[in-house]
C-alpha atoms as a PDB file:
ATOM      1  CA  MET A   1     -11.071  30.658  18.468  1.00  0.00           C
ATOM      2  CA  LEU A   2     -13.346  30.713  15.440  1.00  0.00           C
ATOM      3  CA  LYS A   3     -10.318  31.051  13.176  1.00  0.00           C
ATOM      4  CA  SER A   4      -8.664  27.949  14.633  1.00  0.00           C
ATOM      5  CA  LEU A   5     -11.887  25.938  14.261  1.00  0.00           C
ATOM      6  CA  PHE A   6     -11.919  26.887  10.587  1.00  0.00           C
ATOM      7  CA  LEU A   7      -8.259  25.973  10.021  1.00  0.00           C
ATOM      8  CA  PHE A   8      -8.303  22.621  11.854  1.00  0.00           C
ATOM      9  CA  PRO A   9     -10.023  20.597   9.065  1.00  0.00           C
ATOM     10  CA  ILE A  10      -7.647  22.063   6.486  1.00  0.00           C
ATOM     11  CA  VAL A  11      -4.555  21.223   8.533  1.00  0.00           C
ATOM     12  CA  ALA A  12      -5.899  17.740   9.268  1.00  0.00           C
ATOM     13  CA  ALA A  13      -6.545  17.048   5.571  1.00  0.00           C
ATOM     14  CA  LEU A  14      -3.076  18.228   4.611  1.00  0.00           C
ATOM     15  CA  SER A  15      -1.561  16.024   7.292  1.00  0.00           C
ATOM     16  CA  VAL A  16      -3.275  12.887   5.940  1.00  0.00           C
ATOM     17  CA  SER A  17      -2.229  13.556   2.350  1.00  0.00           C
ATOM     18  CA  THR A  18       1.339  14.257   3.488  1.00  0.00           C
ATOM     19  CA  GLN A  19       1.476  10.902   5.284  1.00  0.00           C
ATOM     20  CA  ALA A  20       0.379   9.040   2.160  1.00  0.00           C
ATOM     21  CA  ALA A  21       2.867  10.948   0.047  1.00  0.00           C
ATOM     22  CA  THR A  22       5.718  10.104   2.424  1.00  0.00           C
ATOM     23  CA  LEU A  23       5.181   6.361   2.172  1.00  0.00           C
ATOM     24  CA  PRO A  24       8.428   5.131   0.640  1.00  0.00           C
ATOM     25  CA  GLY A  25       8.413   3.453  -2.721  1.00  0.00           C
ATOM     26  CA  ASP A  26       7.614   3.957  -6.363  1.00  0.00           C
ATOM     27  CA  ALA A  27       4.028   2.972  -7.156  1.00  0.00           C
ATOM     28  CA  ALA A  28       4.681   2.797 -10.914  1.00  0.00           C
ATOM     29  CA  ASN A  29       7.484   0.302 -10.371  1.00  0.00           C
ATOM     30  CA  GLY A  30       5.293  -1.534  -7.847  1.00  0.00           C
ATOM     31  CA  LYS A  31       2.619  -1.973 -10.524  1.00  0.00           C
ATOM     32  CA  LYS A  32       5.204  -3.433 -12.920  1.00  0.00           C
ATOM     33  CA  LEU A  33       6.406  -5.853 -10.226  1.00  0.00           C
ATOM     34  CA  HIS A  34       2.835  -6.769  -9.363  1.00  0.00           C
ATOM     35  CA  ASP A  35       1.884  -7.423 -12.974  1.00  0.00           C
ATOM     36  CA  ALA A  36       5.025  -9.497 -13.541  1.00  0.00           C
ATOM     37  CA  SER A  37       4.978 -11.517 -10.320  1.00  0.00           C
ATOM     38  CA  CYS A  38       1.705 -11.454  -8.412  1.00  0.00           C
ATOM     39  CA  THR A  39      -0.829 -12.053 -11.168  1.00  0.00           C
ATOM     40  CA  SER A  40       0.587 -15.483 -11.911  1.00  0.00           C
ATOM     41  CA  CYS A  41      -1.095 -16.676  -8.685  1.00  0.00           C
ATOM     42  CA  HIS A  42      -4.111 -14.394  -8.342  1.00  0.00           C
ATOM     43  CA  ASN A  43      -5.966 -11.462  -9.847  1.00  0.00           C
ATOM     44  CA  ASP A  44      -6.918  -8.239  -8.092  1.00  0.00           C
ATOM     45  CA  SER A  45     -10.077  -9.714  -6.587  1.00  0.00           C
ATOM     46  CA  VAL A  46      -8.042 -10.703  -3.494  1.00  0.00           C
ATOM     47  CA  TYR A  47      -7.558  -7.002  -2.733  1.00  0.00           C
ATOM     48  CA  LYS A  48     -11.205  -6.101  -3.302  1.00  0.00           C
ATOM     49  CA  ARG A  49     -12.982  -8.811  -1.341  1.00  0.00           C
ATOM     50  CA  GLN A  50     -14.892  -7.754   1.748  1.00  0.00           C
ATOM     51  CA  ASP A  51     -13.227 -10.257   4.075  1.00  0.00           C
ATOM     52  CA  HIS A  52      -9.606  -9.440   3.261  1.00  0.00           C
ATOM     53  CA  LYS A  53      -7.232 -10.113   6.123  1.00  0.00           C
ATOM     54  CA  ILE A  54      -4.849  -7.235   5.474  1.00  0.00           C
ATOM     55  CA  LYS A  55      -5.667  -4.484   7.977  1.00  0.00           C
ATOM     56  CA  SER A  56      -2.534  -2.304   7.992  1.00  0.00           C
ATOM     57  CA  LEU A  57       0.607  -1.349   6.087  1.00  0.00           C
ATOM     58  CA  GLU A  58       2.547  -3.736   8.320  1.00  0.00           C
ATOM     59  CA  GLY A  59       0.123  -6.536   7.481  1.00  0.00           C
ATOM     60  CA  LEU A  60       0.462  -5.749   3.780  1.00  0.00           C
ATOM     61  CA  THR A  61       4.249  -5.926   4.005  1.00  0.00           C
ATOM     62  CA  GLU A  62       4.029  -9.209   5.908  1.00  0.00           C
ATOM     63  CA  GLN A  63       1.720 -10.680   3.256  1.00  0.00           C
ATOM     64  CA  ILE A  64       4.146  -9.724   0.498  1.00  0.00           C
ATOM     65  CA  HIS A  65       6.877 -11.589   2.393  1.00  0.00           C
ATOM     66  CA  ASN A  66       4.535 -14.594   2.763  1.00  0.00           C
ATOM     67  CA  CYS A  67       3.977 -14.562  -0.988  1.00  0.00           C
ATOM     68  CA  GLU A  68       7.742 -14.460  -1.535  1.00  0.00           C
ATOM     69  CA  HIS A  69       8.114 -17.652   0.506  1.00  0.00           C
ATOM     70  CA  MET A  70       5.246 -19.422  -1.235  1.00  0.00           C
ATOM     71  CA  THR A  71       6.565 -18.631  -4.721  1.00  0.00           C
ATOM     72  CA  ASP A  72      10.321 -18.753  -4.125  1.00  0.00           C
ATOM     73  CA  VAL A  73      10.540 -15.167  -5.367  1.00  0.00           C
ATOM     74  CA  THR A  74      13.087 -12.956  -3.659  1.00  0.00           C
ATOM     75  CA  LEU A  75      12.373  -9.252  -3.560  1.00  0.00           C
ATOM     76  CA  GLY A  76      14.698  -6.554  -2.367  1.00  0.00           C
ATOM     77  CA  LYS A  77      13.675  -4.020   0.261  1.00  0.00           C
ATOM     78  CA  THR A  78      13.075  -1.378  -2.423  1.00  0.00           C
ATOM     79  CA  GLN A  79      10.887  -3.747  -4.434  1.00  0.00           C
ATOM     80  CA  VAL A  80       8.792  -4.568  -1.362  1.00  0.00           C
ATOM     81  CA  SER A  81       8.371  -0.837  -0.674  1.00  0.00           C
ATOM     82  CA  ASP A  82       7.322  -0.310  -4.283  1.00  0.00           C
ATOM     83  CA  LEU A  83       4.722  -3.091  -4.068  1.00  0.00           C
ATOM     84  CA  VAL A  84       3.384  -1.809  -0.746  1.00  0.00           C
ATOM     85  CA  LYS A  85       3.052   1.695  -2.144  1.00  0.00           C
ATOM     86  CA  TYR A  86       1.300   0.473  -5.313  1.00  0.00           C
ATOM     87  CA  LEU A  87      -1.104  -1.850  -3.505  1.00  0.00           C
ATOM     88  CA  ASN A  88      -1.873   0.715  -0.837  1.00  0.00           C
ATOM     89  CA  GLU A  89      -2.512   3.545  -3.276  1.00  0.00           C
ATOM     90  CA  THR A  90      -4.549   1.362  -5.611  1.00  0.00           C
ATOM     91  CA  TYR A  91      -6.578  -0.800  -3.208  1.00  0.00           C
ATOM     92  CA  TYR A  92      -6.083  -0.453   0.539  1.00  0.00           C
ATOM     93  CA  LYS A  93      -5.702   3.281   1.268  1.00  0.00           C
ATOM     94  CA  PHE A  94      -4.107   2.742   4.698  1.00  0.00           C
ATOM     95  CA  LYS A  95      -2.802   5.851   6.412  1.00  0.00           C
END
């Protein structure tokens, strides 16, 4: 029993880091896309503000699609995954 109480936090921590690592996408490419496309409308303060409306990975993906519509930019599925991964790793830290 004592042994399993000791191992639980370790297993839980490994599980969380594995989930983040399995998020599809290439964060380095996401940064390039972000710098080329997103910063023409806003800087990174929108990701850092206390009242941001993005509360999940799904919400982040939806917002990227909203930005596509507002700017007439068309991103492929891989590009959206790259942006989600970059923004999540850099700012949001959703699990």
